[in-house]
Amino acid sequence: MAITRTVTVAAGRFAAGQLGGLTPFLPFELVDAVLEETRAVQQRLRDLPSRVGVYFLVAMCLFPEVGYRLVWDRLTSGIDGVRPAPSAKGLRDLRRRVGCAPMKALFEVVAGVLSPPRTPGVRFGPYRTVSFDGCSSIKTPDSERNRGWLGRCPHGGYPQIELMTLVETGTRSVIGAVFGPTREGETSYATRLLNHLGPEMLVLWDRGFDSNDFLAAVHATGAHVVGRIRQRRRPPVLTALPDSSYLSVIGTVAVRIIEAQASVTCADGSTFDGSYRLVTTLLDARRYPADRLVRLYHERWEHESAYYALRHTILRGRVLRSCDPGGVEQEMWALLICYQLLRRAIAEAAESRPGTDPDRCGFTIALHTARDLLVRAEEVFEQGIGAIGRRILSELAPPRRPRVSTRKVKSPTSRYAERKMDGRPDQSRTVTSVTIALLPPPPPRPALPATTVPDYVGRGQISNRTTRVLAVLQAEPERQWRAREIAELLGDVTLVATYRQLARWTERGLIKRVRTGRYAATTPTGTAT
């Protein structure tokens, strides 16, 4: 009886190292050290020690389409001799015993930048390019505990978790990650990852991170920024530069503003335009020309490819397994570990052949090779790039061709299900040329008066100021006017007074408010009462 139990325990411990070709990236010694540090080592002799639980959680992410028992069968199928045969409840208890802390600590160890500076596409000048972006489409089971933590999806469906990551754009490696309910904003989550930034990094972000405080916080880390800002901003033009950009200030940070129009011509002859308004802390226009920064901003989309690999290539669009917040958190860290291990295998393969761009390495090839090696229990102690790397290098994709493809949301419950008709093609098309036209700085805006010039009228009459506004709005009935535009048009009224007058005119039916801060003309109705 004692001999049988010894064999069973030995088989269980061997199963702990059975991640196939991914095992060298998550070695036994590292797992044991993290378990000991987080005090998650089993307290007595078990058939399923804690190390087994860690590798089982990672294997669970490699095979999201099957249940616990089938994941266990794949994890131990390459073991000869006696193998433990735990029930689904036993494996669930194993997950609870391991807990969340070891998985989070393991992710923090394996996360980070992967490629040296000489790797193609990793750097822009002396800076390593990284990006912030969020993903709110990872779904969890519709359980009461998950709803209590994440809330209900506002458009129906499963509760969704907000994942915020800092990614190295050249390799799509995750440098840092945080997640939680979607009700907390992206900027709030991204602020928790600022400790990963440094002076050697150049951060890319989209308009969702356009915040004075966030820009100042990133600038304080020493990192530089190339980000998109909203059109409603009116930064002052301090100094116009030769490349059509201009120096300005946002909050307390000295910045450079670049405005450009990009025209894309496809192989079928179709064309469409897009406007960009970028802010950067790279103030030297000679060393960092505006057109190069506009082209660099496109690298931010590598972050979307990282999320595609995470959501669709690994998860295949499936809902997570866990029905409670602790389990969801543990599963998310395991999923990020699985993703990062595959990225490490890809980065080592690309580095082994100098001059290879990691963009040419197939993530799907790495994933399915890792699954096959795990089932066969091969390459556990392999040195070098291993079978995963050799398979990747044997099937490198050709250099990336310029293409354009509109982002589509296929979920009918999403608020983005209906796409605006903005001229972009519905299908992927080959791009033959991209023309970037840099726009000159905007002209100085007229200063509004400090006080409003009185415009007294008698009862039942329309003032001269009202007449001027109505005439202009009715001349362009389709235009939606801002309050500041109307104040500048009048020239003798402050912005605060303009807001008050617009509210009165709206109540009297002389004009209409289209949406917050936007006004348009109504059908002419004659004099007001």
Protein backbone atom coordinates (compact mmCIF):
# COMPACT_ATOMS: atom_id res chain seq x y z
CA MET A 1 0.00 0.00 0.00
CA ALA A 2 2.83 2.40 0.85
CA ILE A 3 4.61 1.56 -2.41
CA THR A 4 1.47 2.31 -4.44
CA ARG A 5 1.01 5.66 -2.75
CA THR A 6 4.66 6.56 -3.35
CA VAL A 7 4.26 5.83 -7.05
CA THR A 8 1.06 7.87 -7.18
CA VAL A 9 2.69 10.86 -5.51
CA ALA A 10 5.69 10.58 -7.81
CA ALA A 11 3.39 10.55 -10.83
CA GLY A 12 1.57 13.60 -9.53
CA ARG A 13 4.82 15.49 -9.04
CA PHE A 14 5.97 14.57 -12.54
CA ALA A 15 2.68 15.80 -13.92
CA ALA A 16 3.52 19.16 -12.38
CA GLY A 17 6.30 19.62 -14.94
CA GLN A 18 4.24 18.46 -17.86
CA LEU A 19 3.70 21.66 -19.81
CA GLY A 20 5.67 20.26 -22.71
CA GLY A 21 7.66 22.85 -24.64
CA LEU A 22 6.51 25.68 -22.34
CA THR A 23 8.05 24.09 -19.23
CA PRO A 24 11.51 25.69 -19.74
CA PHE A 25 9.82 29.10 -19.56
CA LEU A 26 8.07 28.16 -16.28
CA PRO A 27 10.58 25.83 -14.56
CA PHE A 28 9.92 23.79 -11.44
CA GLU A 29 12.32 25.87 -9.34
CA LEU A 30 10.49 29.10 -10.16
CA VAL A 31 7.08 27.65 -9.35
CA ASP A 32 8.30 26.15 -6.07
CA ALA A 33 9.96 29.43 -5.04
CA VAL A 34 6.80 31.44 -5.74
CA LEU A 35 4.61 28.95 -3.88
CA GLU A 36 6.90 29.15 -0.89
CA GLU A 37 7.04 32.94 -0.99
CA THR A 38 3.23 33.22 -1.14
CA ARG A 39 2.80 30.50 1.52
CA ALA A 40 0.77 28.30 -0.81
CA VAL A 41 2.78 25.08 -0.43
CA GLN A 42 0.68 22.09 0.67
CA GLN A 43 0.83 21.36 4.40
CA ARG A 44 0.76 17.57 4.12
CA LEU A 45 1.58 14.81 1.66
CA ARG A 46 -0.91 14.93 -1.21
CA ASP A 47 -1.55 13.23 -4.52
CA LEU A 48 -2.09 16.71 -5.98
CA PRO A 49 0.54 19.08 -4.55
CA SER A 50 0.36 22.81 -5.12
CA ARG A 51 2.88 22.71 -7.96
CA VAL A 52 0.48 20.45 -9.86
CA GLY A 53 -2.24 23.05 -9.34
CA VAL A 54 -0.14 25.82 -10.91
CA TYR A 55 0.59 23.82 -14.06
CA PHE A 56 -3.00 22.60 -14.20
CA LEU A 57 -4.24 26.22 -14.23
CA VAL A 58 -1.97 27.09 -17.16
CA ALA A 59 -3.01 23.92 -19.01
CA MET A 60 -6.63 24.85 -18.34
CA CYS A 61 -6.07 28.01 -20.43
CA LEU A 62 -4.41 26.05 -23.23
CA PHE A 63 -7.54 23.88 -23.52
CA PRO A 64 -10.49 26.23 -22.84
CA GLU A 65 -12.90 24.04 -24.80
CA VAL A 66 -12.91 21.07 -22.38
CA GLY A 67 -13.73 20.49 -18.72
CA TYR A 68 -11.46 19.84 -15.75
CA ARG A 69 -11.18 16.07 -16.22
CA LEU A 70 -10.29 16.30 -19.91
CA VAL A 71 -7.71 19.00 -19.16
CA TRP A 72 -6.21 16.65 -16.57
CA ASP A 73 -6.15 13.78 -19.07
CA ARG A 74 -4.19 15.90 -21.53
CA LEU A 75 -1.84 17.10 -18.80
CA THR A 76 -0.97 13.54 -17.74
CA SER A 77 -1.42 11.59 -20.99
CA GLY A 78 2.33 11.42 -21.59
CA ILE A 79 3.10 9.89 -18.17
CA ASP A 80 3.92 6.20 -18.07
CA GLY A 81 2.77 4.07 -15.20
CA VAL A 82 0.32 4.91 -12.42
CA ARG A 83 -1.41 8.30 -12.73
CA PRO A 84 -3.71 10.07 -10.28
CA ALA A 85 -7.34 10.19 -11.41
CA PRO A 86 -8.91 13.07 -9.45
CA SER A 87 -12.56 14.00 -9.81
CA ALA A 88 -13.74 17.36 -11.09
CA LYS A 89 -14.43 18.33 -7.48
CA GLY A 90 -10.90 17.35 -6.50
CA LEU A 91 -9.46 19.56 -9.23
CA ARG A 92 -11.75 22.40 -8.20
CA ASP A 93 -10.54 22.01 -4.61
CA LEU A 94 -6.96 22.06 -5.92
CA ARG A 95 -7.61 25.44 -7.54
CA ARG A 96 -9.00 26.83 -4.30
CA ARG A 97 -6.04 25.54 -2.33
CA VAL A 98 -3.53 27.17 -4.67
CA GLY A 99 -5.37 30.49 -4.54
CA CYS A 100 -4.73 33.66 -6.50
CA ALA A 101 -1.54 35.05 -4.98
CA PRO A 102 0.90 32.52 -6.57
CA MET A 103 -0.56 33.09 -10.05
CA LYS A 104 -0.29 36.86 -9.73
CA ALA A 105 3.29 36.57 -8.47
CA LEU A 106 4.21 34.22 -11.33
CA PHE A 107 2.81 36.63 -13.89
CA GLU A 108 4.85 39.47 -12.43
CA VAL A 109 7.97 37.31 -12.88
CA VAL A 110 7.34 36.25 -16.50
CA ALA A 111 5.93 39.63 -17.64
CA GLY A 112 8.14 42.30 -19.13
CA VAL A 113 9.91 43.33 -22.31
CA LEU A 114 11.34 40.44 -24.30
CA SER A 115 13.56 41.57 -27.16
CA PRO A 116 16.94 43.36 -27.21
CA PRO A 117 17.19 46.80 -28.84
CA ARG A 118 18.46 45.39 -32.15
CA THR A 119 15.22 43.46 -32.82
CA PRO A 120 13.35 44.98 -35.78
CA GLY A 121 10.29 47.06 -34.88
CA VAL A 122 11.04 47.29 -31.16
CA ARG A 123 12.43 50.83 -30.93
CA PHE A 124 11.92 54.31 -32.31
CA GLY A 125 15.28 56.02 -32.16
CA PRO A 126 16.62 55.52 -28.62
CA TYR A 127 13.20 54.63 -27.16
CA ARG A 128 11.38 51.33 -26.75
CA THR A 129 7.78 51.76 -27.93
CA VAL A 130 5.03 50.62 -25.56
CA SER A 131 1.30 51.28 -25.46
CA PHE A 132 -1.65 51.45 -23.09
CA ASP A 133 -5.02 50.02 -24.03
CA GLY A 134 -8.02 48.38 -22.39
CA CYS A 135 -10.19 45.40 -23.27
CA SER A 136 -13.72 45.06 -21.92
CA SER A 137 -14.97 42.08 -23.96
CA ILE A 138 -13.76 39.19 -21.79
CA LYS A 139 -16.90 37.57 -20.40
CA THR A 140 -17.47 35.74 -17.13
CA PRO A 141 -20.27 33.34 -16.15
CA ASP A 142 -23.56 35.00 -15.27
CA SER A 143 -23.50 34.07 -11.59
CA GLU A 144 -24.79 36.12 -8.69
CA ARG A 145 -21.31 36.61 -7.21
CA ASN A 146 -19.83 37.73 -10.54
CA ARG A 147 -22.70 40.16 -11.05
CA GLY A 148 -22.16 41.54 -7.56
CA TRP A 149 -18.52 42.25 -8.38
CA LEU A 150 -18.62 43.21 -12.06
CA GLY A 151 -22.20 44.39 -12.37
CA ARG A 152 -24.58 43.50 -15.14
CA CYS A 153 -23.62 44.11 -18.74
CA PRO A 154 -25.46 47.35 -19.66
CA HIS A 155 -26.49 45.90 -23.02
CA GLY A 156 -27.39 42.39 -21.83
CA GLY A 157 -25.31 39.24 -21.87
CA TYR A 158 -22.57 38.07 -19.54
CA PRO A 159 -20.79 40.21 -16.91
CA GLN A 160 -17.63 41.61 -18.47
CA ILE A 161 -14.24 42.28 -16.97
CA GLU A 162 -12.08 45.27 -17.84
CA LEU A 163 -8.47 44.33 -18.63
CA MET A 164 -5.85 47.09 -18.87
CA THR A 165 -2.35 46.23 -20.08
CA LEU A 166 0.93 47.92 -20.91
CA VAL A 167 2.34 46.16 -23.98
CA GLU A 168 5.65 46.26 -25.83
CA THR A 169 4.42 46.97 -29.35
CA GLY A 170 7.36 45.34 -31.13
CA THR A 171 6.78 41.88 -29.60
CA ARG A 172 3.24 42.33 -28.16
CA SER A 173 4.62 41.21 -24.82
CA VAL A 174 2.65 42.21 -21.72
CA ILE A 175 4.73 44.37 -19.38
CA GLY A 176 2.03 44.91 -16.77
CA ALA A 177 -1.67 44.18 -16.32
CA VAL A 178 -4.57 45.04 -14.04
CA PHE A 179 -8.26 44.21 -14.27
CA GLY A 180 -11.58 44.72 -12.53
CA PRO A 181 -15.13 46.00 -13.11
CA THR A 182 -15.83 47.94 -16.29
CA ARG A 183 -17.42 50.80 -14.32
CA GLU A 184 -13.93 52.08 -13.45
CA GLY A 185 -12.39 54.13 -16.25
CA GLU A 186 -9.46 53.10 -18.41
CA THR A 187 -7.31 55.99 -17.23
CA SER A 188 -7.81 54.97 -13.62
CA TYR A 189 -6.63 51.43 -14.35
CA ALA A 190 -3.69 52.63 -16.45
CA THR A 191 -2.48 54.83 -13.59
CA ARG A 192 -1.77 51.67 -11.59
CA LEU A 193 0.73 50.55 -14.24
CA LEU A 194 2.84 53.71 -14.31
CA ASN A 195 5.51 52.07 -12.16
CA HIS A 196 6.48 49.97 -15.20
CA LEU A 197 7.45 53.06 -17.24
CA GLY A 198 10.93 54.50 -17.49
CA PRO A 199 12.97 57.15 -19.34
CA GLU A 200 13.86 54.65 -22.08
CA MET A 201 10.21 54.19 -23.13
CA LEU A 202 7.96 55.97 -25.64
CA VAL A 203 4.29 55.51 -24.77
CA LEU A 204 1.54 55.37 -27.41
CA TRP A 205 -2.14 55.79 -26.57
CA ASP A 206 -5.46 56.65 -28.18
CA ARG A 207 -8.01 59.38 -27.43
CA GLY A 208 -9.43 57.47 -24.45
CA PHE A 209 -6.38 58.50 -22.40
CA ASP A 210 -6.61 62.19 -23.24
CA SER A 211 -6.38 63.60 -19.73
CA ASN A 212 -4.24 66.40 -18.28
CA ASP A 213 -3.60 64.50 -15.07
CA PHE A 214 -2.69 61.26 -16.86
CA LEU A 215 -0.31 63.08 -19.20
CA ALA A 216 1.38 64.74 -16.24
CA ALA A 217 1.65 61.40 -14.39
CA VAL A 218 3.26 59.66 -17.37
CA HIS A 219 5.61 62.61 -17.92
CA ALA A 220 6.69 62.41 -14.27
CA THR A 221 8.00 58.85 -14.85
CA GLY A 222 10.50 60.17 -17.40
CA ALA A 223 8.83 58.36 -20.32
CA HIS A 224 7.95 60.21 -23.51
CA VAL A 225 4.52 60.24 -25.14
CA VAL A 226 2.95 60.11 -28.59
CA GLY A 227 -0.83 60.10 -28.12
CA ARG A 228 -3.98 61.12 -29.86
CA ILE A 229 -6.05 63.96 -28.39
CA ARG A 230 -9.64 65.00 -28.92
CA GLN A 231 -10.64 67.57 -31.50
CA ARG A 232 -12.42 69.70 -28.92
CA ARG A 233 -9.12 70.64 -27.28
CA ARG A 234 -7.83 74.13 -28.09
CA PRO A 235 -4.19 74.15 -26.95
CA PRO A 236 -2.44 77.50 -27.37
CA VAL A 237 -0.02 77.95 -30.28
CA LEU A 238 3.20 79.06 -28.59
CA THR A 239 5.75 78.51 -31.36
CA ALA A 240 5.18 77.30 -34.92
CA LEU A 241 7.83 74.82 -36.09
CA PRO A 242 9.16 74.21 -39.62
CA ASP A 243 7.46 70.79 -39.96
CA SER A 244 3.96 72.34 -39.43
CA SER A 245 3.78 71.18 -35.81
CA TYR A 246 3.76 73.70 -32.98
CA LEU A 247 4.84 73.94 -29.37
CA SER A 248 2.10 74.23 -26.78
CA VAL A 249 1.31 73.33 -23.20
CA ILE A 250 -1.27 70.97 -21.72
CA GLY A 251 -1.70 71.39 -17.99
CA THR A 252 1.84 71.83 -16.75
CA VAL A 253 3.54 69.73 -19.46
CA ALA A 254 5.32 71.31 -22.43
CA VAL A 255 4.16 69.44 -25.54
CA ARG A 256 4.23 69.53 -29.31
CA ILE A 257 1.01 69.29 -31.32
CA ILE A 258 0.82 67.62 -34.72
CA GLU A 259 -2.26 67.81 -36.93
CA ALA A 260 -2.33 65.71 -40.10
CA GLN A 261 -4.65 64.37 -42.78
CA ALA A 262 -3.94 60.83 -44.00
CA SER A 263 -5.21 59.75 -47.43
CA VAL A 264 -5.24 56.02 -48.22
CA THR A 265 -5.50 54.60 -51.73
CA CYS A 266 -6.41 50.91 -52.09
CA ALA A 267 -5.60 48.49 -54.90
CA ASP A 268 -9.15 48.66 -56.26
CA GLY A 269 -8.88 52.43 -56.66
CA SER A 270 -11.00 53.34 -53.64
CA THR A 271 -9.78 56.06 -51.31
CA PHE A 272 -10.66 57.39 -47.89
CA ASP A 273 -9.27 60.00 -45.51
CA GLY A 274 -8.64 60.21 -41.82
CA SER A 275 -7.53 63.05 -39.55
CA TYR A 276 -5.02 62.76 -36.73
CA ARG A 277 -4.31 65.13 -33.90
CA LEU A 278 -1.31 64.00 -31.88
CA VAL A 279 0.44 65.29 -28.80
CA THR A 280 4.03 64.39 -28.01
CA THR A 281 6.67 65.31 -25.48
CA LEU A 282 9.38 64.87 -28.15
CA LEU A 283 9.89 68.58 -28.74
CA ASP A 284 12.81 68.42 -31.19
CA ALA A 285 11.19 68.72 -34.64
CA ARG A 286 14.47 68.14 -36.48
CA ARG A 287 15.30 64.90 -34.70
CA TYR A 288 11.70 63.63 -34.61
CA PRO A 289 9.88 65.00 -37.70
CA ALA A 290 6.11 65.20 -37.56
CA ASP A 291 5.50 62.81 -40.47
CA ARG A 292 7.59 60.08 -38.81
CA LEU A 293 5.60 60.44 -35.59
CA VAL A 294 2.31 60.18 -37.50
CA ARG A 295 3.50 56.93 -39.08
CA LEU A 296 4.80 55.68 -35.73
CA TYR A 297 1.38 56.16 -34.13
CA HIS A 298 0.09 53.30 -36.29
CA GLU A 299 2.20 50.93 -34.13
CA ARG A 300 -0.39 51.38 -31.39
CA TRP A 301 -2.61 48.92 -33.28
CA GLU A 302 -0.20 46.11 -32.37
CA HIS A 303 -1.94 46.24 -29.00
CA GLU A 304 -5.19 45.21 -30.68
CA SER A 305 -3.41 42.20 -32.18
CA ALA A 306 -2.29 41.22 -28.69
CA TYR A 307 -5.89 41.29 -27.45
CA TYR A 308 -7.03 39.32 -30.50
CA ALA A 309 -4.53 36.57 -29.61
CA LEU A 310 -5.72 36.58 -26.01
CA ARG A 311 -9.48 36.64 -26.63
CA HIS A 312 -9.85 34.68 -29.84
CA THR A 313 -6.74 32.58 -30.50
CA ILE A 314 -6.45 31.26 -26.92
CA LEU A 315 -9.97 31.64 -25.51
CA ARG A 316 -11.68 31.30 -28.90
CA GLY A 317 -14.31 33.77 -27.75
CA ARG A 318 -15.43 31.53 -24.86
CA VAL A 319 -16.67 32.64 -21.47
CA LEU A 320 -14.33 32.12 -18.51
CA ARG A 321 -15.00 29.14 -16.25
CA SER A 322 -15.07 30.67 -12.77
CA CYS A 323 -18.36 31.66 -11.10
CA ASP A 324 -16.88 33.70 -8.24
CA PRO A 325 -14.56 36.74 -8.13
CA GLY A 326 -11.64 34.85 -6.58
CA GLY A 327 -11.78 32.20 -9.28
CA VAL A 328 -12.08 34.81 -12.05
CA GLU A 329 -9.03 36.65 -10.73
CA GLN A 330 -7.02 33.42 -10.52
CA GLU A 331 -8.08 32.40 -14.03
CA MET A 332 -7.20 35.80 -15.49
CA TRP A 333 -3.66 35.63 -14.09
CA ALA A 334 -3.30 32.09 -15.43
CA LEU A 335 -4.51 33.26 -18.85
CA LEU A 336 -1.99 36.10 -18.89
CA ILE A 337 0.79 33.69 -17.85
CA CYS A 338 -0.15 31.34 -20.69
CA TYR A 339 -0.13 34.21 -23.18
CA GLN A 340 3.22 35.52 -21.95
CA LEU A 341 4.89 32.10 -22.10
CA LEU A 342 3.88 31.78 -25.75
CA ARG A 343 5.21 35.28 -26.44
CA ARG A 344 8.51 34.32 -24.81
CA ALA A 345 8.80 31.29 -27.07
CA ILE A 346 8.11 33.51 -30.11
CA ALA A 347 10.61 36.17 -29.03
CA GLU A 348 13.40 33.61 -28.48
CA ALA A 349 12.71 32.08 -31.88
CA ALA A 350 12.93 35.49 -33.60
CA GLU A 351 16.07 36.41 -31.68
CA SER A 352 17.79 33.16 -32.70
CA ARG A 353 17.67 34.30 -36.33
CA PRO A 354 19.05 37.89 -36.40
CA GLY A 355 17.01 40.35 -38.42
CA THR A 356 13.72 38.46 -38.01
CA ASP A 357 10.77 40.72 -37.22
CA PRO A 358 8.57 39.18 -34.48
CA ASP A 359 5.55 40.27 -36.57
CA ARG A 360 6.33 37.41 -38.93
CA CYS A 361 6.07 34.75 -36.18
CA GLY A 362 2.69 33.04 -35.94
CA PHE A 363 1.01 33.06 -32.55
CA THR A 364 -1.46 30.36 -33.66
CA ILE A 365 1.44 28.10 -34.68
CA ALA A 366 3.06 28.57 -31.27
CA LEU A 367 -0.21 27.83 -29.45
CA HIS A 368 -1.04 24.60 -31.28
CA THR A 369 2.54 23.34 -31.14
CA ALA A 370 2.55 23.93 -27.38
CA ARG A 371 -0.74 22.01 -27.05
CA ASP A 372 0.65 19.04 -29.01
CA LEU A 373 3.87 18.93 -26.99
CA LEU A 374 1.93 19.06 -23.72
CA VAL A 375 -0.21 16.07 -24.69
CA ARG A 376 2.87 14.06 -25.71
CA ALA A 377 4.94 15.23 -22.70
CA GLU A 378 7.81 16.21 -24.99
CA GLU A 379 10.42 18.98 -24.80
CA VAL A 380 10.02 19.28 -21.02
CA PHE A 381 13.75 19.72 -20.47
CA GLU A 382 14.66 21.04 -23.93
CA GLN A 383 17.41 23.64 -24.19
CA GLY A 384 17.48 26.35 -26.84
CA ILE A 385 14.49 27.46 -28.87
CA GLY A 386 12.89 23.98 -28.78
CA ALA A 387 10.26 22.49 -31.04
CA ILE A 388 7.98 25.54 -30.72
CA GLY A 389 10.70 27.87 -31.97
CA ARG A 390 11.74 25.54 -34.79
CA ARG A 391 8.15 25.23 -35.96
CA ILE A 392 7.69 29.00 -35.88
CA LEU A 393 10.84 29.64 -37.90
CA SER A 394 9.89 27.01 -40.46
CA GLU A 395 6.58 28.76 -41.16
CA LEU A 396 7.43 32.45 -40.98
CA ALA A 397 4.86 34.72 -42.55
CA PRO A 398 6.03 36.99 -45.38
CA PRO A 399 6.85 40.61 -44.51
CA ARG A 400 3.67 42.40 -43.57
CA ARG A 401 1.92 43.98 -46.52
CA PRO A 402 0.06 47.28 -46.11
CA ARG A 403 -3.63 46.57 -45.67
CA VAL A 404 -6.65 48.34 -44.27
CA SER A 405 -9.48 46.61 -42.48
CA THR A 406 -12.30 48.23 -40.58
CA ARG A 407 -12.83 47.12 -37.00
CA LYS A 408 -16.17 45.38 -36.61
CA VAL A 409 -18.13 44.39 -33.53
CA LYS A 410 -20.22 41.31 -34.24
CA SER A 411 -21.93 41.04 -30.87
CA PRO A 412 -25.56 42.22 -31.26
CA THR A 413 -25.65 43.39 -27.63
CA SER A 414 -22.71 45.77 -28.06
CA ARG A 415 -23.26 49.51 -28.31
CA TYR A 416 -20.70 49.47 -31.15
CA ALA A 417 -22.60 46.88 -33.21
CA GLU A 418 -23.65 49.50 -35.77
CA ARG A 419 -20.70 51.18 -37.45
CA LYS A 420 -20.87 54.74 -38.69
CA MET A 421 -20.63 55.27 -42.44
CA ASP A 422 -17.27 57.03 -42.42
CA GLY A 423 -16.04 55.97 -45.86
CA ARG A 424 -13.78 53.18 -44.66
CA PRO A 425 -14.04 49.85 -46.52
CA ASP A 426 -16.06 47.00 -45.03
CA GLN A 427 -13.62 44.31 -46.21
CA SER A 428 -9.84 44.03 -45.90
CA ARG A 429 -8.11 45.70 -48.85
CA THR A 430 -4.54 46.06 -49.99
CA VAL A 431 -3.14 49.57 -49.67
CA THR A 432 -1.12 50.93 -52.57
CA SER A 433 -0.22 54.31 -51.12
CA VAL A 434 -0.61 56.43 -48.00
CA THR A 435 -0.24 60.19 -48.24
CA ILE A 436 0.20 62.24 -45.07
CA ALA A 437 -0.51 65.96 -45.30
CA LEU A 438 0.65 67.94 -42.29
CA LEU A 439 -1.73 70.76 -41.43
CA PRO A 440 -0.48 74.20 -40.36
CA PRO A 441 -1.15 75.46 -36.83
CA PRO A 442 -4.62 76.97 -36.34
CA PRO A 443 -4.86 80.77 -36.37
CA PRO A 444 -4.96 82.51 -33.00
CA ARG A 445 -8.43 82.61 -31.53
CA PRO A 446 -9.89 86.03 -30.71
CA ALA A 447 -9.94 86.85 -27.05
CA LEU A 448 -13.40 87.11 -25.55
CA PRO A 449 -14.22 90.35 -23.70
CA ALA A 450 -13.94 90.49 -19.94
CA THR A 451 -17.39 92.08 -19.66
CA THR A 452 -20.52 91.92 -21.75
CA VAL A 453 -21.70 95.02 -23.60
CA PRO A 454 -25.33 95.72 -22.52
CA ASP A 455 -27.99 95.15 -25.15
CA TYR A 456 -31.22 96.49 -23.65
CA VAL A 457 -34.55 95.93 -25.40
CA GLY A 458 -38.13 96.68 -24.63
CA ARG A 459 -40.82 94.18 -23.71
CA GLY A 460 -41.91 91.95 -26.60
CA GLN A 461 -38.96 92.90 -28.81
CA ILE A 462 -35.98 90.92 -30.08
CA SER A 463 -32.57 92.42 -29.34
CA ASN A 464 -29.99 93.20 -31.97
CA ARG A 465 -27.77 90.44 -30.56
CA THR A 466 -30.57 87.88 -30.88
CA THR A 467 -31.25 88.96 -34.45
CA ARG A 468 -27.60 88.49 -35.40
CA VAL A 469 -27.46 84.99 -33.87
CA LEU A 470 -30.71 83.86 -35.47
CA ALA A 471 -29.60 85.14 -38.88
CA VAL A 472 -26.31 83.26 -38.73
CA LEU A 473 -27.83 80.02 -37.43
CA GLN A 474 -30.61 80.06 -40.03
CA ALA A 475 -28.06 80.67 -42.80
CA GLU A 476 -26.48 77.29 -41.91
CA PRO A 477 -29.44 75.25 -40.57
CA GLU A 478 -27.54 71.92 -40.60
CA ARG A 479 -24.58 73.15 -38.59
CA GLN A 480 -24.29 72.45 -34.88
CA TRP A 481 -22.78 75.51 -33.20
CA ARG A 482 -20.72 75.56 -30.02
CA ALA A 483 -21.33 78.22 -27.40
CA ARG A 484 -17.81 79.58 -27.80
CA GLU A 485 -18.25 79.89 -31.58
CA ILE A 486 -21.37 81.98 -31.05
CA ALA A 487 -19.58 84.14 -28.45
CA GLU A 488 -16.70 84.75 -30.88
CA LEU A 489 -19.23 85.56 -33.60
CA LEU A 490 -20.86 88.26 -31.47
CA GLY A 491 -17.59 89.63 -30.17
CA ASP A 492 -19.14 91.72 -27.35
CA VAL A 493 -20.25 89.02 -24.92
CA THR A 494 -18.44 86.76 -22.47
CA LEU A 495 -18.70 82.99 -22.65
CA VAL A 496 -20.65 82.77 -19.38
CA ALA A 497 -23.18 85.32 -20.62
CA THR A 498 -23.45 83.44 -23.92
CA TYR A 499 -24.42 80.24 -22.12
CA ARG A 500 -27.13 82.09 -20.20
CA GLN A 501 -28.53 83.71 -23.35
CA LEU A 502 -28.50 80.42 -25.26
CA ALA A 503 -30.49 78.83 -22.43
CA ARG A 504 -33.06 81.64 -22.56
CA TRP A 505 -33.32 81.50 -26.35
CA THR A 506 -33.79 77.72 -26.19
CA GLU A 507 -36.62 78.09 -23.65
CA ARG A 508 -38.32 80.67 -25.90
CA GLY A 509 -38.04 78.34 -28.91
CA LEU A 510 -35.84 80.68 -30.94
CA ILE A 511 -33.09 78.04 -31.24
CA LYS A 512 -32.82 74.37 -30.31
CA ARG A 513 -30.22 72.47 -28.34
CA VAL A 514 -29.15 69.43 -30.40
CA ARG A 515 -27.06 67.93 -27.62
CA THR A 516 -24.96 69.12 -24.71
CA GLY A 517 -23.11 72.27 -25.74
CA ARG A 518 -24.38 72.22 -29.35
CA TYR A 519 -27.09 74.50 -30.80
CA ALA A 520 -28.82 74.85 -34.16
CA ALA A 521 -31.48 76.96 -35.81
CA THR A 522 -35.19 76.18 -35.64
CA THR A 523 -37.76 76.90 -38.30
CA PRO A 524 -38.24 80.71 -38.45
CA THR A 525 -41.23 81.62 -36.29
CA GLY A 526 -41.26 85.42 -36.42
CA THR A 527 -41.03 87.49 -33.29
CA ALA A 528 -40.86 86.14 -29.78
CA THR A 529 -43.52 86.74 -27.22
